[in-house]
Amino acid sequence: MTNLFFLCSRNRLRSPTAEQVFAAWPGVETASAGLAPDADEPCTDELVEWAEIIFAMERAHRTRLQKRLKKA
């Protein structure tokens, strides 16, 4: 089983949609979250650790996540 994690700003449109689309694929588990403080599902360290592959919806999201991980 491969764990796919989809990341955007507020977890309202892009990442939850991607999570739903790929949830039907055989052999994968999916999750999604947002980086903004008001995200519907906030990004947690546990989700990042759980993920085998992280899909950031924008380069800015990838950069924010990398900065956050360097602080940890």
PDB file of N, CA and C in Angstrom:
ATOM      1  N   MET A   1       0.843  -1.175   0.000  1.00  0.00           N
ATOM      2  CA  MET A   1       0.000   0.000   0.000  1.00  0.00           C
ATOM      3  C   MET A   1       0.893   1.245   0.000  1.00  0.00           C
ATOM      4  N   THR A   2       0.609   2.191  -0.881  1.00  0.00           N
ATOM      5  CA  THR A   2       1.360   3.429  -0.975  1.00  0.00           C
ATOM      6  C   THR A   2       0.515   4.572  -0.406  1.00  0.00           C
ATOM      7  N   ASN A   3       1.098   5.358   0.477  1.00  0.00           N
ATOM      8  CA  ASN A   3       0.396   6.471   1.105  1.00  0.00           C
ATOM      9  C   ASN A   3       0.661   7.764   0.344  1.00  0.00           C
ATOM     10  N   LEU A   4      -0.398   8.336  -0.253  1.00  0.00           N
ATOM     11  CA  LEU A   4      -0.316   9.569  -1.014  1.00  0.00           C
ATOM     12  C   LEU A   4      -0.929  10.709  -0.202  1.00  0.00           C
ATOM     13  N   PHE A   5      -0.218  11.813  -0.126  1.00  0.00           N
ATOM     14  CA  PHE A   5      -0.665  12.973   0.653  1.00  0.00           C
ATOM     15  C   PHE A   5      -0.720  14.187  -0.271  1.00  0.00           C
ATOM     16  N   PHE A   6      -1.883  14.834  -0.346  1.00  0.00           N
ATOM     17  CA  PHE A   6      -2.102  15.987  -1.208  1.00  0.00           C
ATOM     18  C   PHE A   6      -2.194  17.242  -0.346  1.00  0.00           C
ATOM     19  N   LEU A   7      -1.444  18.264  -0.751  1.00  0.00           N
ATOM     20  CA  LEU A   7      -1.281  19.447   0.082  1.00  0.00           C
ATOM     21  C   LEU A   7      -1.591  20.712  -0.712  1.00  0.00           C
ATOM     22  N   CYS A   8      -2.440  21.586  -0.147  1.00  0.00           N
ATOM     23  CA  CYS A   8      -2.697  22.895  -0.741  1.00  0.00           C
ATOM     24  C   CYS A   8      -2.790  23.914   0.390  1.00  0.00           C
ATOM     25  N   SER A   9      -3.434  25.034   0.153  1.00  0.00           N
ATOM     26  CA  SER A   9      -3.481  26.084   1.175  1.00  0.00           C
ATOM     27  C   SER A   9      -4.510  25.795   2.263  1.00  0.00           C
ATOM     28  N   ARG A  10      -5.772  25.668   1.854  1.00  0.00           N
ATOM     29  CA  ARG A  10      -6.829  25.578   2.863  1.00  0.00           C
ATOM     30  C   ARG A  10      -7.595  24.254   2.858  1.00  0.00           C
ATOM     31  N   ASN A  11      -7.195  23.330   2.020  1.00  0.00           N
ATOM     32  CA  ASN A  11      -7.829  22.008   1.974  1.00  0.00           C
ATOM     33  C   ASN A  11      -9.335  22.105   1.743  1.00  0.00           C
ATOM     34  N   ARG A  12      -9.707  22.962   0.809  1.00  0.00           N
ATOM     35  CA  ARG A  12     -11.130  23.123   0.515  1.00  0.00           C
ATOM     36  C   ARG A  12     -11.495  22.643  -0.881  1.00  0.00           C
ATOM     37  N   LEU A  13     -10.576  22.753  -1.847  1.00  0.00           N
ATOM     38  CA  LEU A  13     -10.904  22.351  -3.221  1.00  0.00           C
ATOM     39  C   LEU A  13      -9.888  21.396  -3.823  1.00  0.00           C
ATOM     40  N   ARG A  14      -8.682  21.863  -4.037  1.00  0.00           N
ATOM     41  CA  ARG A  14      -7.705  21.082  -4.807  1.00  0.00           C
ATOM     42  C   ARG A  14      -7.274  19.797  -4.123  1.00  0.00           C
ATOM     43  N   SER A  15      -6.745  19.889  -2.922  1.00  0.00           N
ATOM     44  CA  SER A  15      -6.226  18.670  -2.297  1.00  0.00           C
ATOM     45  C   SER A  15      -7.324  17.667  -1.935  1.00  0.00           C
ATOM     46  N   PRO A  16      -8.508  18.097  -1.445  1.00  0.00           N
ATOM     47  CA  PRO A  16      -9.539  17.088  -1.197  1.00  0.00           C
ATOM     48  C   PRO A  16     -10.043  16.420  -2.483  1.00  0.00           C
ATOM     49  N   THR A  17     -10.075  17.196  -3.581  1.00  0.00           N
ATOM     50  CA  THR A  17     -10.485  16.606  -4.856  1.00  0.00           C
ATOM     51  C   THR A  17      -9.488  15.551  -5.297  1.00  0.00           C
ATOM     52  N   ALA A  18      -8.201  15.877  -5.219  1.00  0.00           N
ATOM     53  CA  ALA A  18      -7.166  14.900  -5.589  1.00  0.00           C
ATOM     54  C   ALA A  18      -7.245  13.670  -4.691  1.00  0.00           C
ATOM     55  N   GLU A  19      -7.474  13.884  -3.412  1.00  0.00           N
ATOM     56  CA  GLU A  19      -7.607  12.760  -2.476  1.00  0.00           C
ATOM     57  C   GLU A  19      -8.735  11.835  -2.914  1.00  0.00           C
ATOM     58  N   GLN A  20      -9.876  12.396  -3.280  1.00  0.00           N
ATOM     59  CA  GLN A  20     -11.018  11.581  -3.699  1.00  0.00           C
ATOM     60  C   GLN A  20     -10.746  10.852  -5.014  1.00  0.00           C
ATOM     61  N   VAL A  21     -10.133  11.527  -5.962  1.00  0.00           N
ATOM     62  CA  VAL A  21      -9.848  10.910  -7.261  1.00  0.00           C
ATOM     63  C   VAL A  21      -8.924   9.706  -7.094  1.00  0.00           C
ATOM     64  N   PHE A  22      -7.865   9.867  -6.329  1.00  0.00           N
ATOM     65  CA  PHE A  22      -6.885   8.794  -6.201  1.00  0.00           C
ATOM     66  C   PHE A  22      -7.275   7.738  -5.166  1.00  0.00           C
ATOM     67  N   ALA A  23      -8.256   8.011  -4.342  1.00  0.00           N
ATOM     68  CA  ALA A  23      -8.700   7.032  -3.346  1.00  0.00           C
ATOM     69  C   ALA A  23      -9.222   5.754  -4.003  1.00  0.00           C
ATOM     70  N   ALA A  24      -9.707   5.870  -5.218  1.00  0.00           N
ATOM     71  CA  ALA A  24     -10.252   4.704  -5.913  1.00  0.00           C
ATOM     72  C   ALA A  24      -9.172   3.846  -6.566  1.00  0.00           C
ATOM     73  N   TRP A  25      -7.957   4.331  -6.603  1.00  0.00           N
ATOM     74  CA  TRP A  25      -6.863   3.564  -7.215  1.00  0.00           C
ATOM     75  C   TRP A  25      -6.494   2.390  -6.328  1.00  0.00           C
ATOM     76  N   PRO A  26      -6.279   1.228  -6.927  1.00  0.00           N
ATOM     77  CA  PRO A  26      -5.870   0.073  -6.122  1.00  0.00           C
ATOM     78  C   PRO A  26      -4.453   0.267  -5.569  1.00  0.00           C
ATOM     79  N   GLY A  27      -4.267  -0.164  -4.358  1.00  0.00           N
ATOM     80  CA  GLY A  27      -2.937  -0.141  -3.752  1.00  0.00           C
ATOM     81  C   GLY A  27      -2.504   1.196  -3.181  1.00  0.00           C
ATOM     82  N   VAL A  28      -3.436   2.138  -3.044  1.00  0.00           N
ATOM     83  CA  VAL A  28      -3.062   3.421  -2.455  1.00  0.00           C
ATOM     84  C   VAL A  28      -4.015   3.809  -1.329  1.00  0.00           C
ATOM     85  N   GLU A  29      -3.464   4.511  -0.371  1.00  0.00           N
ATOM     86  CA  GLU A  29      -4.235   5.183   0.682  1.00  0.00           C
ATOM     87  C   GLU A  29      -3.996   6.663   0.468  1.00  0.00           C
ATOM     88  N   THR A  30      -5.020   7.485   0.684  1.00  0.00           N
ATOM     89  CA  THR A  30      -4.875   8.913   0.425  1.00  0.00           C
ATOM     90  C   THR A  30      -5.258   9.750   1.640  1.00  0.00           C
ATOM     91  N   ALA A  31      -4.666  10.948   1.680  1.00  0.00           N
ATOM     92  CA  ALA A  31      -5.017  11.946   2.690  1.00  0.00           C
ATOM     93  C   ALA A  31      -4.745  13.309   2.071  1.00  0.00           C
ATOM     94  N   SER A  32      -5.371  14.340   2.645  1.00  0.00           N
ATOM     95  CA  SER A  32      -5.117  15.697   2.169  1.00  0.00           C
ATOM     96  C   SER A  32      -5.186  16.651   3.347  1.00  0.00           C
ATOM     97  N   ALA A  33      -4.529  17.804   3.165  1.00  0.00           N
ATOM     98  CA  ALA A  33      -4.517  18.819   4.215  1.00  0.00           C
ATOM     99  C   ALA A  33      -4.106  20.146   3.603  1.00  0.00           C
ATOM    100  N   GLY A  34      -4.198  21.194   4.421  1.00  0.00           N
ATOM    101  CA  GLY A  34      -3.804  22.527   3.993  1.00  0.00           C
ATOM    102  C   GLY A  34      -2.786  23.121   4.944  1.00  0.00           C
ATOM    103  N   LEU A  35      -2.024  24.069   4.429  1.00  0.00           N
ATOM    104  CA  LEU A  35      -0.978  24.712   5.220  1.00  0.00           C
ATOM    105  C   LEU A  35      -1.447  25.979   5.931  1.00  0.00           C
ATOM    106  N   ALA A  36      -2.553  26.560   5.504  1.00  0.00           N
ATOM    107  CA  ALA A  36      -3.035  27.803   6.105  1.00  0.00           C
ATOM    108  C   ALA A  36      -3.592  27.542   7.511  1.00  0.00           C
ATOM    109  N   PRO A  37      -3.515  28.546   8.377  1.00  0.00           N
ATOM    110  CA  PRO A  37      -4.053  28.378   9.736  1.00  0.00           C
ATOM    111  C   PRO A  37      -5.544  28.051   9.748  1.00  0.00           C
ATOM    112  N   ASP A  38      -6.290  28.486   8.728  1.00  0.00           N
ATOM    113  CA  ASP A  38      -7.727  28.223   8.692  1.00  0.00           C
ATOM    114  C   ASP A  38      -8.097  27.040   7.791  1.00  0.00           C
ATOM    115  N   ALA A  39      -7.140  26.165   7.526  1.00  0.00           N
ATOM    116  CA  ALA A  39      -7.400  25.000   6.670  1.00  0.00           C
ATOM    117  C   ALA A  39      -8.470  24.109   7.297  1.00  0.00           C
ATOM    118  N   ASP A  40      -9.323  23.551   6.450  1.00  0.00           N
ATOM    119  CA  ASP A  40     -10.356  22.631   6.945  1.00  0.00           C
ATOM    120  C   ASP A  40      -9.720  21.433   7.637  1.00  0.00           C
ATOM    121  N   GLU A  41      -8.650  20.921   7.061  1.00  0.00           N
ATOM    122  CA  GLU A  41      -7.856  19.835   7.660  1.00  0.00           C
ATOM    123  C   GLU A  41      -6.411  20.322   7.672  1.00  0.00           C
ATOM    124  N   PRO A  42      -5.912  20.750   8.824  1.00  0.00           N
ATOM    125  CA  PRO A  42      -4.546  21.285   8.869  1.00  0.00           C
ATOM    126  C   PRO A  42      -3.482  20.204   8.675  1.00  0.00           C
ATOM    127  N   CYS A  43      -2.389  20.604   8.060  1.00  0.00           N
ATOM    128  CA  CYS A  43      -1.252  19.716   7.877  1.00  0.00           C
ATOM    129  C   CYS A  43      -0.595  19.451   9.232  1.00  0.00           C
ATOM    130  N   THR A  44      -0.372  18.182   9.526  1.00  0.00           N
ATOM    131  CA  THR A  44       0.269  17.808  10.787  1.00  0.00           C
ATOM    132  C   THR A  44       1.570  17.055  10.507  1.00  0.00           C
ATOM    133  N   ASP A  45       2.426  17.030  11.487  1.00  0.00           N
ATOM    134  CA  ASP A  45       3.660  16.255  11.367  1.00  0.00           C
ATOM    135  C   ASP A  45       3.354  14.779  11.140  1.00  0.00           C
ATOM    136  N   GLU A  46       2.289  14.286  11.768  1.00  0.00           N
ATOM    137  CA  GLU A  46       1.914  12.885  11.629  1.00  0.00           C
ATOM    138  C   GLU A  46       1.543  12.552  10.184  1.00  0.00           C
ATOM    139  N   LEU A  47       0.804  13.449   9.526  1.00  0.00           N
ATOM    140  CA  LEU A  47       0.442  13.208   8.128  1.00  0.00           C
ATOM    141  C   LEU A  47       1.674  13.203   7.230  1.00  0.00           C
ATOM    142  N   VAL A  48       2.586  14.121   7.480  1.00  0.00           N
ATOM    143  CA  VAL A  48       3.806  14.186   6.682  1.00  0.00           C
ATOM    144  C   VAL A  48       4.626  12.910   6.874  1.00  0.00           C
ATOM    145  N   GLU A  49       4.728  12.432   8.092  1.00  0.00           N
ATOM    146  CA  GLU A  49       5.474  11.196   8.367  1.00  0.00           C
ATOM    147  C   GLU A  49       4.778   9.984   7.747  1.00  0.00           C
ATOM    148  N   TRP A  50       3.450   9.986   7.737  1.00  0.00           N
ATOM    149  CA  TRP A  50       2.669   8.887   7.178  1.00  0.00           C
ATOM    150  C   TRP A  50       2.872   8.767   5.670  1.00  0.00           C
ATOM    151  N   ALA A  51       3.024   9.900   5.005  1.00  0.00           N
ATOM    152  CA  ALA A  51       3.062   9.943   3.542  1.00  0.00           C
ATOM    153  C   ALA A  51       4.337   9.334   2.974  1.00  0.00           C
ATOM    154  N   GLU A  52       4.166   8.569   1.917  1.00  0.00           N
ATOM    155  CA  GLU A  52       5.306   8.086   1.146  1.00  0.00           C
ATOM    156  C   GLU A  52       5.581   9.035  -0.015  1.00  0.00           C
ATOM    157  N   ILE A  53       4.506   9.623  -0.554  1.00  0.00           N
ATOM    158  CA  ILE A  53       4.614  10.612  -1.629  1.00  0.00           C
ATOM    159  C   ILE A  53       3.739  11.802  -1.256  1.00  0.00           C
ATOM    160  N   ILE A  54       4.311  13.002  -1.349  1.00  0.00           N
ATOM    161  CA  ILE A  54       3.568  14.230  -1.064  1.00  0.00           C
ATOM    162  C   ILE A  54       3.425  15.009  -2.366  1.00  0.00           C
ATOM    163  N   PHE A  55       2.199  15.360  -2.703  1.00  0.00           N
ATOM    164  CA  PHE A  55       1.903  16.176  -3.873  1.00  0.00           C
ATOM    165  C   PHE A  55       1.514  17.567  -3.398  1.00  0.00           C
ATOM    166  N   ALA A  56       2.360  18.546  -3.654  1.00  0.00           N
ATOM    167  CA  ALA A  56       2.055  19.935  -3.331  1.00  0.00           C
ATOM    168  C   ALA A  56       1.399  20.565  -4.554  1.00  0.00           C
ATOM    169  N   MET A  57       0.299  21.256  -4.358  1.00  0.00           N
ATOM    170  CA  MET A  57      -0.447  21.813  -5.481  1.00  0.00           C
ATOM    171  C   MET A  57       0.265  22.996  -6.139  1.00  0.00           C
ATOM    172  N   GLU A  58       1.123  23.675  -5.388  1.00  0.00           N
ATOM    173  CA  GLU A  58       1.886  24.795  -5.936  1.00  0.00           C
ATOM    174  C   GLU A  58       3.309  24.735  -5.407  1.00  0.00           C
ATOM    175  N   ARG A  59       4.216  25.336  -6.141  1.00  0.00           N
ATOM    176  CA  ARG A  59       5.608  25.404  -5.691  1.00  0.00           C
ATOM    177  C   ARG A  59       5.693  26.104  -4.326  1.00  0.00           C
ATOM    178  N   ALA A  60       4.843  27.108  -4.121  1.00  0.00           N
ATOM    179  CA  ALA A  60       4.835  27.828  -2.839  1.00  0.00           C
ATOM    180  C   ALA A  60       4.480  26.891  -1.682  1.00  0.00           C
ATOM    181  N   HIS A  61       3.602  25.942  -1.922  1.00  0.00           N
ATOM    182  CA  HIS A  61       3.236  24.976  -0.870  1.00  0.00           C
ATOM    183  C   HIS A  61       4.430  24.086  -0.535  1.00  0.00           C
ATOM    184  N   ARG A  62       5.126  23.644  -1.561  1.00  0.00           N
ATOM    185  CA  ARG A  62       6.314  22.815  -1.337  1.00  0.00           C
ATOM    186  C   ARG A  62       7.354  23.587  -0.527  1.00  0.00           C
ATOM    187  N   THR A  63       7.561  24.839  -0.876  1.00  0.00           N
ATOM    188  CA  THR A  63       8.541  25.671  -0.176  1.00  0.00           C
ATOM    189  C   THR A  63       8.148  25.864   1.284  1.00  0.00           C
ATOM    190  N   ARG A  64       6.876  26.153   1.531  1.00  0.00           N
ATOM    191  CA  ARG A  64       6.406  26.330   2.926  1.00  0.00           C
ATOM    192  C   ARG A  64       6.591  25.054   3.739  1.00  0.00           C
ATOM    193  N   LEU A  65       6.284  23.910   3.132  1.00  0.00           N
ATOM    194  CA  LEU A  65       6.437  22.645   3.839  1.00  0.00           C
ATOM    195  C   LEU A  65       7.912  22.368   4.124  1.00  0.00           C
ATOM    196  N   GLN A  66       8.770  22.620   3.158  1.00  0.00           N
ATOM    197  CA  GLN A  66      10.214  22.396   3.375  1.00  0.00           C
ATOM    198  C   GLN A  66      10.735  23.281   4.498  1.00  0.00           C
ATOM    199  N   LYS A  67      10.324  24.539   4.548  1.00  0.00           N
ATOM    200  CA  LYS A  67      10.752  25.436   5.623  1.00  0.00           C
ATOM    201  C   LYS A  67      10.248  24.940   6.977  1.00  0.00           C
ATOM    202  N   ARG A  68       9.020  24.476   6.986  1.00  0.00           N
ATOM    203  CA  ARG A  68       8.449  23.950   8.230  1.00  0.00           C
ATOM    204  C   ARG A  68       9.204  22.730   8.716  1.00  0.00           C
ATOM    205  N   LEU A  69       9.593  21.860   7.798  1.00  0.00           N
ATOM    206  CA  LEU A  69      10.307  20.647   8.188  1.00  0.00           C
ATOM    207  C   LEU A  69      11.714  20.947   8.684  1.00  0.00           C
ATOM    208  N   LYS A  70      12.348  21.976   8.146  1.00  0.00           N
ATOM    209  CA  LYS A  70      13.684  22.345   8.598  1.00  0.00           C
ATOM    210  C   LYS A  70      13.658  22.847  10.041  1.00  0.00           C
ATOM    211  N   LYS A  71      12.553  23.453  10.454  1.00  0.00           N
ATOM    212  CA  LYS A  71      12.429  23.964  11.830  1.00  0.00           C
ATOM    213  C   LYS A  71      12.218  22.834  12.823  1.00  0.00           C
ATOM    214  N   ALA A  72      11.687  21.722  12.353  1.00  0.00           N
ATOM    215  CA  ALA A  72      11.360  20.602  13.258  1.00  0.00           C
ATOM    216  C   ALA A  72      12.593  19.846  13.683  1.00  0.00           C
TER     217      ALA A  72
END
